[in-house]
């Protein structure tokens, strides 16, 4: 049995090696390394896949969130609601732009924004909600968009971990995540479900005016070369990465299917283990399993993690500290986000990627079942 990895990017590459290498070589031969034709082609193809009118490539997922907020031209005292159990990027850009950071609790089973707590956090100064689709499935977008309409709020979707997932509305209609709010963002960090071989990101919208503004902001605020309409940033998707992403986008649905098969295997083998809970699927979302995250209920999570490591099984804790408890963001002054705080001591993500074999999965599950 091959060594078990949290993510097997080289194993994945071997299946697409010839096409990826050809794409890289064509970029080198064309020598259009910045804003080359592959960038435009990838933006178009991703837009078609998502059903989105506008896709703007940028340097990374954090830049995508920052550019999205900058484009909204919010008042200086705007309050932005962000989940406390989450990666730092959403909170970081709010702080960098000097808006007021308002942390919100999450659903203790689904790990995404708790709508009831969102309602309690809305004030007259609230201007936007950043809805993070965590671990591979959706935040409750239909309810959040209803709040958006009621209180005239923007909704930004952070879709770095759930690209390709579908949202299922009450009427049965489906839309890809990242296309429901006013702006969607994503990351192409290598370990993401759609990852490049470096850094990259994208911004998604169906609003033509927002698209125009965000494209300008990402290019130093230019409307055309050397003419600056607004303060911008320098954030571009590299042509080489776009060429790689074009290849991987064609395989994304198969990658998702592989992850879902691995998740189903885990479910079947682990569902009767009395000290853990397997991931709960939201009724309104498909799950693309960026992570397979269990909850350790009646054991010491860190001891379990260490034992798995001794057996050659990697695992990760996403995330060990709720953001409002970290030194950088304690200033936000929000306490009693109970679900977020509890999850940090209970979550444990098992190996999840497109190349997991049945032998590897069985070894992982047998090891857990004997603990």
Protein backbone atom coordinates (compact mmCIF):
# COMPACT_ATOMS: atom_id res chain seq x y z
CA UNK A 1 0.00 0.00 0.00
CA UNK A 2 1.34 3.43 -0.92
CA UNK A 3 1.97 6.01 1.78
CA UNK A 4 -1.25 7.77 2.80
CA UNK A 5 -1.28 11.51 2.22
CA UNK A 6 -3.75 14.24 3.16
CA UNK A 7 -3.57 15.41 -0.46
CA UNK A 8 -1.91 13.56 -3.35
CA UNK A 9 -1.24 16.21 -5.98
CA UNK A 10 1.45 14.28 -7.80
CA UNK A 11 -0.76 11.21 -8.10
CA UNK A 12 -3.46 13.40 -9.58
CA UNK A 13 -0.98 15.04 -11.95
CA UNK A 14 0.08 11.69 -13.40
CA UNK A 15 -3.40 11.24 -14.94
CA UNK A 16 -3.23 14.59 -16.75
CA UNK A 17 0.53 14.86 -17.20
CA UNK A 18 0.61 14.99 -20.98
CA UNK A 19 -2.10 17.64 -21.30
CA UNK A 20 -0.69 19.79 -18.50
CA UNK A 21 2.83 19.65 -19.91
CA UNK A 22 1.55 20.57 -23.34
CA UNK A 23 -0.31 23.56 -21.93
CA UNK A 24 2.75 24.78 -20.02
CA UNK A 25 4.94 24.39 -23.09
CA UNK A 26 2.50 26.37 -25.23
CA UNK A 27 2.56 29.23 -22.72
CA UNK A 28 6.37 29.24 -22.76
CA UNK A 29 6.47 29.13 -26.56
CA UNK A 30 3.95 31.98 -26.79
CA UNK A 31 5.80 33.89 -24.04
CA UNK A 32 2.65 35.74 -23.01
CA UNK A 33 3.14 35.13 -19.32
CA UNK A 34 0.87 37.89 -17.98
CA UNK A 35 -2.76 38.16 -19.17
CA UNK A 36 -2.07 35.66 -21.92
CA UNK A 37 -4.83 34.02 -23.97
CA UNK A 38 -5.21 31.10 -21.56
CA UNK A 39 -6.39 33.49 -18.86
CA UNK A 40 -9.31 34.71 -20.97
CA UNK A 41 -10.10 31.17 -22.12
CA UNK A 42 -10.11 29.82 -18.58
CA UNK A 43 -12.27 32.69 -17.30
CA UNK A 44 -14.79 31.96 -20.05
CA UNK A 45 -14.78 28.20 -19.46
CA UNK A 46 -15.18 28.58 -15.70
CA UNK A 47 -18.06 31.00 -16.30
CA UNK A 48 -19.77 28.44 -18.53
CA UNK A 49 -19.23 25.68 -15.95
CA UNK A 50 -20.65 27.79 -13.12
CA UNK A 51 -23.38 29.46 -15.14
CA UNK A 52 -21.92 32.88 -14.34
CA UNK A 53 -21.82 35.94 -16.58
CA UNK A 54 -18.45 37.26 -15.42
CA UNK A 55 -15.30 35.58 -14.06
CA UNK A 56 -12.23 37.67 -13.25
CA UNK A 57 -9.01 35.85 -12.51
CA UNK A 58 -6.81 37.21 -9.73
CA UNK A 59 -3.71 36.28 -7.75
CA UNK A 60 -5.32 34.33 -4.90
CA UNK A 61 -8.53 33.78 -2.96
CA UNK A 62 -7.75 36.40 -0.33
CA UNK A 63 -7.26 39.05 -3.02
CA UNK A 64 -10.59 37.96 -4.50
CA UNK A 65 -12.34 38.73 -1.20
CA UNK A 66 -10.55 42.06 -0.81
CA UNK A 67 -11.36 43.18 -4.36
CA UNK A 68 -14.99 42.14 -3.87
CA UNK A 69 -15.32 44.29 -0.75
CA UNK A 70 -13.48 47.21 -2.35
CA UNK A 71 -15.89 47.15 -5.31
CA UNK A 72 -18.92 47.63 -3.05
CA UNK A 73 -17.75 51.11 -2.02
CA UNK A 74 -19.13 50.73 1.50
CA UNK A 75 -19.21 53.54 4.07
CA UNK A 76 -16.23 53.78 6.43
CA UNK A 77 -18.27 52.59 9.43
CA UNK A 78 -19.76 49.57 7.66
CA UNK A 79 -20.17 46.38 9.66
CA UNK A 80 -19.39 43.07 7.94
CA UNK A 81 -20.62 39.72 9.31
CA UNK A 82 -18.09 36.87 9.09
CA UNK A 83 -18.16 33.33 10.57
CA UNK A 84 -15.87 32.86 13.58
CA UNK A 85 -15.15 29.22 12.75
CA UNK A 86 -13.29 29.64 9.51
CA UNK A 87 -9.97 30.30 7.82
CA UNK A 88 -8.67 33.82 8.45
CA UNK A 89 -9.01 35.29 4.93
CA UNK A 90 -12.51 36.78 5.23
CA UNK A 91 -11.78 38.41 8.59
CA UNK A 92 -8.40 39.57 7.36
CA UNK A 93 -9.70 41.58 4.42
CA UNK A 94 -12.41 43.20 6.54
CA UNK A 95 -9.75 44.30 9.03
CA UNK A 96 -7.35 45.49 6.32
CA UNK A 97 -10.06 47.66 4.78
CA UNK A 98 -10.84 49.00 8.29
CA UNK A 99 -14.49 48.01 8.32
CA UNK A 100 -16.02 46.76 11.55
CA UNK A 101 -15.60 43.02 11.91
CA UNK A 102 -18.66 41.26 13.37
CA UNK A 103 -18.10 37.59 14.12
CA UNK A 104 -21.03 35.23 13.87
CA UNK A 105 -21.50 31.70 15.18
CA UNK A 106 -21.90 28.62 12.98
CA UNK A 107 -24.21 25.64 12.87
CA UNK A 108 -22.57 23.00 15.11
CA UNK A 109 -23.24 20.17 12.64
CA UNK A 110 -22.93 21.86 9.23
CA UNK A 111 -20.08 24.27 10.22
CA UNK A 112 -21.52 27.15 8.15
CA UNK A 113 -23.20 30.39 9.23
CA UNK A 114 -25.96 30.10 11.83
CA UNK A 115 -28.79 32.14 10.31
CA UNK A 116 -30.40 32.90 13.67
CA UNK A 117 -27.16 34.35 14.97
CA UNK A 118 -26.74 36.33 11.75
CA UNK A 119 -30.16 37.90 12.40
CA UNK A 120 -29.08 38.90 15.90
CA UNK A 121 -25.90 40.51 14.58
CA UNK A 122 -27.55 42.74 11.96
CA UNK A 123 -27.65 46.44 12.84
CA UNK A 124 -28.30 49.64 10.91
CA UNK A 125 -24.60 49.70 10.04
CA UNK A 126 -24.46 46.15 8.67
CA UNK A 127 -23.69 46.30 4.97
CA UNK A 128 -22.48 42.83 3.98
CA UNK A 129 -22.35 39.18 4.95
CA UNK A 130 -19.48 36.94 3.90
CA UNK A 131 -20.96 33.46 3.55
CA UNK A 132 -18.23 30.83 3.68
CA UNK A 133 -19.05 27.48 2.09
CA UNK A 134 -16.97 25.32 4.41
CA UNK A 135 -15.39 21.90 3.82
CA UNK A 136 -17.33 21.35 0.59
CA UNK A 137 -20.95 22.31 1.13
CA UNK A 138 -23.06 25.45 1.15
CA UNK A 139 -23.90 28.03 3.74
CA UNK A 140 -27.71 28.52 3.91
CA UNK A 141 -27.82 30.87 0.94
CA UNK A 142 -31.58 31.02 0.40
CA UNK A 143 -32.11 32.29 3.94
CA UNK A 144 -29.15 34.64 3.72
CA UNK A 145 -30.40 36.12 0.45
CA UNK A 146 -33.79 36.69 2.09
CA UNK A 147 -32.02 38.65 4.84
CA UNK A 148 -30.09 40.49 2.15
CA UNK A 149 -33.34 41.60 0.50
CA UNK A 150 -34.97 42.51 3.81
CA UNK A 151 -32.07 44.61 5.13
CA UNK A 152 -30.48 45.74 1.85
CA UNK A 153 -27.23 43.87 2.44
CA UNK A 154 -24.61 42.54 0.05
CA UNK A 155 -23.76 38.85 0.22
CA UNK A 156 -20.28 37.68 -0.79
CA UNK A 157 -19.78 33.93 -1.19
CA UNK A 158 -16.38 32.58 -0.21
CA UNK A 159 -16.42 29.45 -2.33
CA UNK A 160 -12.77 28.45 -1.97
CA UNK A 161 -13.71 25.06 -0.49
CA UNK A 162 -16.85 24.11 -2.41
CA UNK A 163 -16.39 24.88 -6.09
CA UNK A 164 -18.61 22.62 -8.17
CA UNK A 165 -21.21 22.10 -5.44
CA UNK A 166 -24.87 22.78 -6.21
CA UNK A 167 -27.32 24.75 -4.08
CA UNK A 168 -30.83 23.27 -4.06
CA UNK A 169 -33.55 25.88 -3.53
CA UNK A 170 -36.90 25.18 -1.88
CA UNK A 171 -38.57 25.11 -5.29
CA UNK A 172 -36.14 22.46 -6.54
CA UNK A 173 -34.04 24.80 -8.69
CA UNK A 174 -30.27 24.40 -8.56
CA UNK A 175 -27.40 26.87 -8.93
CA UNK A 176 -23.67 26.44 -8.57
CA UNK A 177 -22.19 27.89 -5.41
CA UNK A 178 -20.48 31.20 -6.05
CA UNK A 179 -23.27 32.44 -8.35
CA UNK A 180 -26.06 33.09 -5.83
CA UNK A 181 -24.80 36.09 -3.88
CA UNK A 182 -23.87 39.46 -5.33
CA UNK A 183 -20.25 38.32 -5.69
CA UNK A 184 -18.58 34.93 -5.44
CA UNK A 185 -14.90 34.32 -4.78
CA UNK A 186 -12.69 31.27 -4.97
CA UNK A 187 -9.13 30.13 -4.49
CA UNK A 188 -7.02 27.89 -6.72
CA UNK A 189 -4.51 27.06 -3.98
CA UNK A 190 -2.99 23.69 -4.97
CA UNK A 191 -4.88 21.61 -2.39
CA UNK A 192 -8.30 22.98 -3.37
CA UNK A 193 -10.72 20.80 -5.35
CA UNK A 194 -9.82 22.90 -8.40
CA UNK A 195 -6.22 23.83 -7.65
CA UNK A 196 -3.35 25.12 -9.74
CA UNK A 197 0.39 24.58 -9.26
CA UNK A 198 0.99 27.86 -7.48
CA UNK A 199 -1.35 30.59 -6.33
CA UNK A 200 -4.49 31.80 -8.04
CA UNK A 201 -8.05 32.95 -7.47
CA UNK A 202 -11.16 34.26 -9.16
CA UNK A 203 -14.08 36.59 -8.61
CA UNK A 204 -17.52 35.71 -9.97
CA UNK A 205 -20.58 37.88 -10.54
CA UNK A 206 -23.64 38.26 -12.73
CA UNK A 207 -23.63 42.04 -12.22
CA UNK A 208 -22.00 43.76 -15.20
CA UNK A 209 -21.21 46.96 -13.33
CA UNK A 210 -19.59 45.11 -10.41
CA UNK A 211 -17.59 43.04 -12.88
CA UNK A 212 -16.29 46.17 -14.59
CA UNK A 213 -15.29 47.74 -11.27
CA UNK A 214 -13.63 44.59 -9.93
CA UNK A 215 -11.68 44.05 -13.12
CA UNK A 216 -10.43 47.62 -12.84
CA UNK A 217 -9.49 47.25 -9.16
CA UNK A 218 -7.56 44.05 -9.86
CA UNK A 219 -5.53 45.92 -12.50
CA UNK A 220 -4.29 48.90 -10.46
CA UNK A 221 -7.63 50.68 -10.85
CA UNK A 222 -7.13 51.19 -14.57
CA UNK A 223 -9.91 51.63 -17.12
CA UNK A 224 -7.31 51.40 -19.85
CA UNK A 225 -3.54 51.29 -19.69
CA UNK A 226 -2.11 54.17 -17.63
CA UNK A 227 -5.56 55.72 -16.97
CA UNK A 228 -6.57 55.23 -13.32
CA UNK A 229 -10.23 55.55 -12.33
CA UNK A 230 -9.91 54.34 -8.75
CA UNK A 231 -7.40 53.06 -6.22
CA UNK A 232 -6.68 49.46 -7.11
CA UNK A 233 -4.33 46.59 -6.45
CA UNK A 234 -2.08 44.39 -8.55
CA UNK A 235 -3.74 40.98 -8.62
CA UNK A 236 -3.51 38.79 -11.70
CA UNK A 237 -4.03 35.14 -12.50
CA UNK A 238 -0.79 33.92 -14.03
CA UNK A 239 -1.08 32.58 -17.59
CA UNK A 240 0.78 29.38 -16.71
CA UNK A 241 -1.66 28.67 -13.88
CA UNK A 242 -4.62 29.40 -16.16
CA UNK A 243 -3.31 26.83 -18.65
CA UNK A 244 -3.13 24.23 -15.87
CA UNK A 245 -6.57 25.15 -14.56
CA UNK A 246 -8.09 24.77 -18.02
CA UNK A 247 -6.98 21.12 -18.00
CA UNK A 248 -8.13 20.47 -14.44
CA UNK A 249 -11.51 22.15 -14.93
CA UNK A 250 -12.41 19.47 -17.49
CA UNK A 251 -11.75 16.85 -14.81
CA UNK A 252 -13.44 18.67 -11.91
CA UNK A 253 -16.69 16.67 -11.97
CA UNK A 254 -14.69 13.43 -11.92
CA UNK A 255 -12.57 14.78 -9.06
CA UNK A 256 -15.78 15.55 -7.16
CA UNK A 257 -17.14 12.07 -7.85
CA UNK A 258 -13.92 10.50 -6.54
CA UNK A 259 -14.13 12.52 -3.35
CA UNK A 260 -17.80 11.61 -2.88
CA UNK A 261 -16.99 7.91 -3.28
CA UNK A 262 -14.25 8.19 -0.65
CA UNK A 263 -16.67 10.01 1.67
CA UNK A 264 -19.31 7.31 1.18
CA UNK A 265 -16.71 4.67 2.09
CA UNK A 266 -15.83 6.55 5.28
CA UNK A 267 -19.52 6.93 6.12
CA UNK A 268 -20.23 3.23 5.81
CA UNK A 269 -17.22 2.14 7.84
CA UNK A 270 -17.36 4.80 10.56
CA UNK A 271 -21.08 5.42 11.11
CA UNK A 272 -21.28 3.03 14.08
CA UNK A 273 -18.20 4.29 15.91
CA UNK A 274 -19.73 5.59 19.11
CA UNK A 275 -17.17 8.28 19.93
CA UNK A 276 -17.35 10.21 16.64
CA UNK A 277 -19.87 11.80 14.32
CA UNK A 278 -19.51 11.57 10.55
CA UNK A 279 -20.14 14.70 8.44
CA UNK A 280 -23.74 15.86 8.18
CA UNK A 281 -24.96 16.80 4.71
CA UNK A 282 -27.10 19.91 4.37
CA UNK A 283 -30.43 19.15 2.69
CA UNK A 284 -30.01 22.20 0.47
CA UNK A 285 -26.52 21.44 -0.85
CA UNK A 286 -24.51 18.79 -2.59
CA UNK A 287 -21.20 18.10 -0.85
CA UNK A 288 -17.92 18.07 -2.81
CA UNK A 289 -15.77 17.10 0.20
CA UNK A 290 -12.86 19.46 0.18
CA UNK A 291 -12.45 17.93 3.62
CA UNK A 292 -13.98 14.91 5.33
CA UNK A 293 -14.31 16.30 8.85
CA UNK A 294 -15.48 14.16 11.75
CA UNK A 295 -16.41 15.33 15.23
CA UNK A 296 -14.66 13.62 18.14
CA UNK A 297 -17.36 13.53 20.80
CA UNK A 298 -16.15 11.54 23.79
CA UNK A 299 -12.41 11.12 23.33
CA UNK A 300 -9.41 13.42 23.44
CA UNK A 301 -9.20 14.67 19.86
CA UNK A 302 -5.48 15.41 19.99
CA UNK A 303 -4.67 11.94 21.33
CA UNK A 304 -6.68 10.43 18.48
CA UNK A 305 -4.75 12.57 16.00
CA UNK A 306 -1.40 11.53 17.47
CA UNK A 307 -2.37 7.86 17.43
CA UNK A 308 -3.36 8.05 13.77
CA UNK A 309 -0.04 9.71 12.98
CA UNK A 310 1.82 6.85 14.70
CA UNK A 311 -0.03 4.47 12.39
CA UNK A 312 1.00 6.41 9.30
CA UNK A 313 -2.34 8.20 8.87
CA UNK A 314 -2.16 12.00 8.56
CA UNK A 315 -5.02 14.17 9.77
CA UNK A 316 -5.57 17.88 10.22
CA UNK A 317 -7.41 20.21 12.56
CA UNK A 318 -9.30 22.87 10.61
CA UNK A 319 -9.42 25.06 12.74
CA UNK A 320 -7.79 24.90 16.21
CA UNK A 321 -8.83 28.39 17.39
CA UNK A 322 -11.98 30.37 16.68
CA UNK A 323 -11.00 33.65 15.02
CA UNK A 324 -12.42 35.87 17.76
CA UNK A 325 -10.12 34.10 20.24
CA UNK A 326 -6.90 34.79 18.31
CA UNK A 327 -4.56 37.63 19.24
CA UNK A 328 -5.10 39.43 15.94
CA UNK A 329 -8.90 39.54 16.14
CA UNK A 330 -9.66 39.55 19.84
CA UNK A 331 -10.26 43.29 19.48
CA UNK A 332 -13.62 42.55 17.83
CA UNK A 333 -14.81 41.86 21.37
CA UNK A 334 -17.38 39.16 20.65
CA UNK A 335 -17.74 36.35 23.16
CA UNK A 336 -20.02 33.35 23.62
CA UNK A 337 -19.84 32.00 20.10
CA UNK A 338 -20.37 28.60 21.63
CA UNK A 339 -20.52 26.38 18.57
CA UNK A 340 -17.41 27.92 17.04
CA UNK A 341 -15.48 27.55 20.27
CA UNK A 342 -16.60 23.95 20.84
CA UNK A 343 -15.81 22.83 17.31
CA UNK A 344 -12.17 23.88 17.61
CA UNK A 345 -11.57 21.09 20.13
CA UNK A 346 -13.63 18.43 18.32
CA UNK A 347 -13.05 18.66 14.56
CA UNK A 348 -10.64 16.30 12.84
CA UNK A 349 -10.22 16.03 9.07
CA UNK A 350 -9.21 12.68 7.62
CA UNK A 351 -7.28 12.17 4.36
CA UNK A 352 -9.43 13.30 1.44
CA UNK A 353 -8.33 13.57 -2.16
CA UNK A 354 -8.99 12.18 -5.61
CA UNK A 355 -6.39 9.38 -5.49
CA UNK A 356 -7.37 7.51 -2.33
CA UNK A 357 -7.49 3.74 -2.87
CA UNK A 358 -9.88 1.30 -1.25
CA UNK A 359 -6.95 -0.33 0.57
CA UNK A 360 -5.91 3.02 2.03
CA UNK A 361 -9.47 3.88 3.04
CA UNK A 362 -9.97 0.49 4.67
CA UNK A 363 -6.71 0.80 6.61
CA UNK A 364 -7.74 4.25 7.88
CA UNK A 365 -11.19 3.03 8.91
CA UNK A 366 -9.93 -0.21 10.50
CA UNK A 367 -7.43 1.82 12.53
CA UNK A 368 -10.16 4.17 13.76
CA UNK A 369 -12.55 1.29 14.50
CA UNK A 370 -9.99 -0.35 16.78
CA UNK A 371 -9.27 2.76 18.86
